Amino acid sequence: MAESGIEKERVILAGVDLGDDMDFDQSMKELSGLADACYMETVGVLTQKMDRPDKTFCLGRGKAEELKEFAERIEADMILFDHTLTPSQLRNLQQIIGKPIMDRTALILEIFASRARTREARLQVETARLQYLLPRLVGMHAALSRQGGGSGLANKGAGEKKLELDRRRIEDRLARLRRELDDVAQERDTQRKRRQASSLPLVALAGYTNAGKSTLMNCLLEQFGQEESRPVLAEDKLFATLETTVRKIELPDNCRFLLSDTVGFIHKLPTGLVKAFRSTLEEIRQADLILHVIDYADENYRNQTEVTRQTLAELGCSHIPVIYVMNKADLCMEDFPKVQGDNRIYMAAGKGIGLRELTRLIVDQLFGSYRRTDFLIPYEQGQIMSYLLEHTLSCQTQYTEQGVRISALCSKADYDRYQKYRIE
């Protein structure tokens, strides 16, 4: 992938309008944004209305010929398809057009590969890319048809084709990657269990890519985070965040929770990526509350909201309470911050406007079911007293001859766990 400051690849966007897409024009616009995120310059667009994609070329053959002439005329370097191409469609298009072809899935994978920073993210992205590449080896380049004798690989036949060798290399690499990802998943599961043992509720940020999740997290960290908490990367580009980051938030009255930032979603998010990032996305499934961050200034925010809702449902998160954070309201409305009901807020995270209202909603959702309880803790049970002082809200203490009397708001779990010390 080219870096900033280097001449960008000139690309043509191609798409088939089937009439059943949520918004075909918006999907093509988003494809242009993905191309820009991949340091490509869109120099042309070619679309065709069809009832179904052509099995041979995705486009009709005549349109494919037109695309070839168009690409030669404007000297395009590559063609980007909004649809995920089958291996045969990819091979046939490359033969007829004579230029590199990349579909939406491959483009998203390319962006993810450039954004991955941690070992886990790199393993996840490489796994998804190889799974995508494996069935598409045939016809990817002319060299694949050459014989592979003498290459030095074990268990090869004397005349084994390079295609078969490449497939074997990919399958072997995938097997190693899966083992490494299993190890990483176990490490993440251990960390998750350690956090769960702390009894702190988990709030997960979710939403469409570039909706402002990381900006909101940094805003909350600046106001309520611990001194040693580092800010997370927040950039105005697609998929700036691929790694899950968990930070502790400490609100007034001892209201504390863990806040998790996760990878953003997008229309037609490749299935392979969702599977590869399963351990990362598991953070959302374990959440007590989801902050669904929405770019309210985007004209297509309703469709983006639906894409996120569907993706969360596929991940098994439909039962988790949600607060809808209508972010970037400063760009499209004057009357903000504004709260609607108990689960919707219009705010501007980038300007720090609406934080007080948002935290009030979070507290109501997380701690609204807490009950006022009085405990009498014997002095010899110092560890229980320390726990209650640390994990309950609005805590008041009174030292008596029998022990420490603690009056506090506590969770149902703590209410049941220490029932022998409750007093009426």
Foldseek 3Di string as FASTA:
>chain_A
DDDPPDQAAEEEEEEECQVPDPDVVVLSVVLCQLCVLVRHHYDYYYYYYDNFQDLQARHPPVSLLVVLVVCVVVVGQEYEYADDHALRNLLNSCVNNVHHYYYPQRSVLSSQCVQDDDPLSNLLSLLLNLVSCLRNLVNNDPQQQAFDAPVPDPPDDRGHTSNVVVNVVSVVVNVVSVVVNVVVLVVLVVVVVVQVVLVAAEEEEAFAFQLCRLLLVQLQCVVFFDPPDDRDDHDNGGFNDAAKDWTWGADPQLRIHIYIYHTYDDPCHDPSSCVSCVSRCVSLVRHQEYEYRFALPDPCRVVRSVRRQVVCVVNVNPVHHYAYEHEPVVVPDDDDQDDDDLRYTYAYSNVSGCPVVVVVSVCCSPQVPWDWFKFFDAPVPVVVVVSCVNAFGPWDWDQDPRGIIIITTHDPVVCVVRVVGTDD
